[in-house]
Amino acid sequence: MAILTRLLDALGHFTAAAADWFWYLSRSRSLRRVSRFEERDHADLNRIITAFRRASMLNLQAAMAAAATATALAMRFRADLAAPI
């Protein structure tokens, strides 16, 4: 049982670190602002949409990693409750 709890702890730490990394990546990529004085074209619109989609995908990966962290820690707590004292 000790091996299971250590494995679940390690899994929780790893997935929490992965969630932090994905959120860091989604935040670190900034979008160049378009001035109101410059003329906007299709390339600008494509760049903006692509940046939003990439950030959205990274946020989705971070949310999935956070959910995996919560699952691993819940399983660890359940294993503690199931262990005989």
Protein backbone atom coordinates (compact mmCIF):
# COMPACT_ATOMS: atom_id res chain seq x y z
CA MET A 1 0.00 0.00 0.00
CA ALA A 2 2.93 2.34 0.65
CA ILE A 3 4.09 1.95 -2.93
CA LEU A 4 0.62 2.85 -4.21
CA THR A 5 0.42 6.01 -2.12
CA ARG A 6 3.91 7.09 -3.21
CA LEU A 7 3.04 6.42 -6.83
CA LEU A 8 -0.19 8.44 -6.55
CA ASP A 9 1.68 11.27 -4.81
CA ALA A 10 4.27 11.34 -7.59
CA LEU A 11 1.53 11.29 -10.23
CA GLY A 12 -0.23 14.19 -8.50
CA HIS A 13 2.97 16.24 -8.36
CA PHE A 14 3.83 15.49 -11.99
CA THR A 15 0.42 16.41 -13.35
CA ALA A 16 0.30 19.58 -11.22
CA ALA A 17 3.65 20.63 -12.67
CA ALA A 18 2.37 19.87 -16.18
CA ALA A 19 -0.72 22.04 -15.58
CA ASP A 20 1.48 24.88 -14.34
CA TRP A 21 3.71 24.56 -17.40
CA PHE A 22 0.79 24.60 -19.86
CA TRP A 23 -0.74 27.68 -18.19
CA TYR A 24 2.66 29.37 -18.24
CA LEU A 25 2.98 28.65 -21.97
CA SER A 26 -0.48 29.96 -22.72
CA ARG A 27 0.21 33.17 -20.82
CA SER A 28 3.76 33.77 -22.04
CA ARG A 29 2.81 34.11 -25.70
CA SER A 30 1.65 37.66 -26.09
CA LEU A 31 -0.35 38.99 -28.97
CA ARG A 32 0.99 41.98 -30.87
CA ARG A 33 -1.55 44.74 -30.61
CA VAL A 34 -2.86 46.26 -33.79
CA SER A 35 -2.83 50.05 -33.80
CA ARG A 36 -5.95 51.90 -34.84
CA PHE A 37 -3.85 53.89 -37.27
CA GLU A 38 -2.58 50.95 -39.28
CA GLU A 39 -4.57 49.18 -41.93
CA ARG A 40 -5.76 45.71 -40.97
CA ASP A 41 -5.88 42.94 -43.53
CA HIS A 42 -6.59 39.21 -43.67
CA ALA A 43 -3.12 38.34 -42.41
CA ASP A 44 -3.73 40.31 -39.20
CA LEU A 45 -7.06 38.60 -38.64
CA ASN A 46 -5.50 35.19 -39.28
CA ARG A 47 -2.69 35.92 -36.81
CA ILE A 48 -5.14 36.99 -34.10
CA ILE A 49 -7.39 33.95 -34.55
CA THR A 50 -4.41 31.61 -34.56
CA ALA A 51 -3.07 33.12 -31.33
CA PHE A 52 -6.46 32.75 -29.63
CA ARG A 53 -6.78 29.14 -30.76
CA ARG A 54 -3.26 28.24 -29.54
CA ALA A 55 -3.92 29.81 -26.15
CA SER A 56 -7.25 28.00 -25.97
CA MET A 57 -5.61 24.63 -26.73
CA LEU A 58 -2.94 25.21 -24.09
CA ASN A 59 -5.60 26.18 -21.55
CA LEU A 60 -7.49 22.98 -22.39
CA GLN A 61 -4.33 20.91 -21.84
CA ALA A 62 -3.72 22.68 -18.54
CA ALA A 63 -7.29 22.02 -17.41
CA MET A 64 -6.95 18.35 -18.31
CA ALA A 65 -3.69 18.11 -16.36
CA ALA A 66 -5.34 19.81 -13.38
CA ALA A 67 -8.20 17.31 -13.58
CA ALA A 68 -5.67 14.46 -13.65
CA THR A 69 -4.02 15.96 -10.56
CA ALA A 70 -7.32 16.08 -8.72
CA THR A 71 -8.09 12.49 -9.73
CA ALA A 72 -4.68 11.22 -8.60
CA LEU A 73 -4.94 12.98 -5.26
CA ALA A 74 -8.51 11.76 -4.73
CA MET A 75 -7.37 8.19 -5.43
CA ARG A 76 -4.51 8.68 -2.97
CA PHE A 77 -6.89 9.88 -0.26
CA ARG A 78 -9.20 6.95 -1.02
CA ALA A 79 -6.26 4.56 -0.69
CA ASP A 80 -5.45 6.09 2.70
CA LEU A 81 -9.03 5.56 3.84
CA ALA A 82 -9.07 1.96 2.59
CA ALA A 83 -5.79 1.06 4.29
CA PRO A 84 -6.14 -0.76 7.59
CA ILE A 85 -4.76 1.10 10.57
